[in-house]
Protein backbone atom coordinates (compact mmCIF):
# COMPACT_ATOMS: atom_id res chain seq x y z
CA MET A 1 16.62 49.29 -3.58
CA ARG A 2 16.22 51.08 -0.27
CA ASN A 3 12.96 49.46 0.81
CA LYS A 4 13.99 45.80 0.49
CA ILE A 5 13.18 43.49 3.42
CA ILE A 6 14.11 39.81 3.82
CA LEU A 7 12.02 37.56 6.06
CA VAL A 8 13.60 34.21 6.94
CA ASN A 9 11.94 31.10 8.33
CA THR A 10 14.11 28.73 10.39
CA LEU A 11 14.91 25.06 9.98
CA PRO A 12 13.33 22.61 12.43
CA ARG A 13 16.83 21.26 13.08
CA LEU A 14 20.32 22.15 11.86
CA ASP A 15 20.86 18.81 10.11
CA TYR A 16 17.41 18.93 8.48
CA TRP A 17 18.67 18.38 4.91
CA ALA A 18 20.70 15.32 5.99
CA TYR A 19 17.41 13.51 6.65
CA VAL A 20 15.02 15.13 4.18
CA LYS A 21 15.70 14.78 0.46
CA GLU A 22 12.59 16.55 -0.91
CA PRO A 23 11.45 20.08 -0.09
CA GLN A 24 8.49 20.18 2.28
CA LEU A 25 5.87 22.61 1.08
CA GLY A 26 4.25 24.69 3.74
CA VAL A 27 3.50 28.31 4.34
CA PRO A 28 5.25 30.24 7.12
CA MET A 29 2.04 32.04 8.08
CA GLY A 30 3.65 34.55 10.43
CA LEU A 31 6.14 35.71 7.79
CA LEU A 32 3.46 35.67 5.11
CA SER A 33 1.22 37.90 7.26
CA ILE A 34 3.99 40.39 8.00
CA GLY A 35 5.19 40.30 4.40
CA THR A 36 1.70 41.03 3.10
CA VAL A 37 1.38 44.17 5.22
CA LEU A 38 4.90 45.34 4.29
CA LYS A 39 4.26 44.77 0.58
CA ALA A 40 0.96 46.68 0.79
CA ASN A 41 2.95 49.58 2.26
CA GLY A 42 5.44 49.72 -0.60
CA TYR A 43 8.24 47.44 0.59
CA ASP A 44 9.94 44.87 -1.61
CA VAL A 45 9.62 41.68 0.47
CA LYS A 46 11.55 38.43 0.01
CA ILE A 47 10.51 35.43 2.13
CA VAL A 48 13.16 32.72 2.42
CA ASP A 49 12.09 29.31 3.73
CA PRO A 50 14.95 26.82 4.25
CA VAL A 51 12.44 23.97 4.51
CA VAL A 52 11.48 24.61 0.88
CA SER A 53 14.84 25.71 -0.58
CA MET A 54 17.99 23.77 0.14
CA ASN A 55 20.01 26.70 -1.26
CA TYR A 56 18.51 29.16 1.24
CA LYS A 57 21.94 30.60 2.14
CA ASP A 58 22.56 31.52 -1.50
CA ILE A 59 19.13 33.16 -1.72
CA ILE A 60 19.89 35.27 1.37
CA GLU A 61 23.33 36.25 0.04
CA GLN A 62 21.82 37.26 -3.33
CA ASN A 63 19.25 39.51 -1.67
CA ILE A 64 21.10 40.99 1.32
CA ASP A 65 22.78 43.92 -0.47
CA GLY A 66 20.80 47.10 0.03
CA CYS A 67 18.44 45.40 2.44
CA LEU A 68 16.73 47.82 4.83
CA PHE A 69 16.28 45.10 7.45
CA SER A 70 15.65 41.39 7.89
CA GLY A 71 13.33 39.41 10.11
CA ILE A 72 13.73 35.87 11.39
CA SER A 73 10.88 33.63 12.49
CA VAL A 74 11.65 31.34 15.42
CA MET A 75 9.43 28.93 17.30
CA THR A 76 10.50 26.91 20.31
CA SER A 77 9.15 23.75 18.68
CA GLY A 78 11.40 24.50 15.69
CA ILE A 79 14.57 24.36 17.77
CA ALA A 80 16.15 20.92 18.20
CA ILE A 81 17.33 21.57 21.76
CA SER A 82 15.22 24.16 23.52
């Protein structure tokens, strides 16, 4: 599919899953906003949130083929050493 776009949230820290055993539900509002506009304009949007899915790397690998582009959300407060 030529119009596929992947939007990826970032982990608050690289060793996040070493300390957290349950997925933390939350909505990456920035990615959700961008994804909504893209979807309304005919793009197939996949939002990947590593805070929710421990297997986020697998999800990205499964969806990367034929991807038009990807976007990554980053916040300074989400980086362990900034």
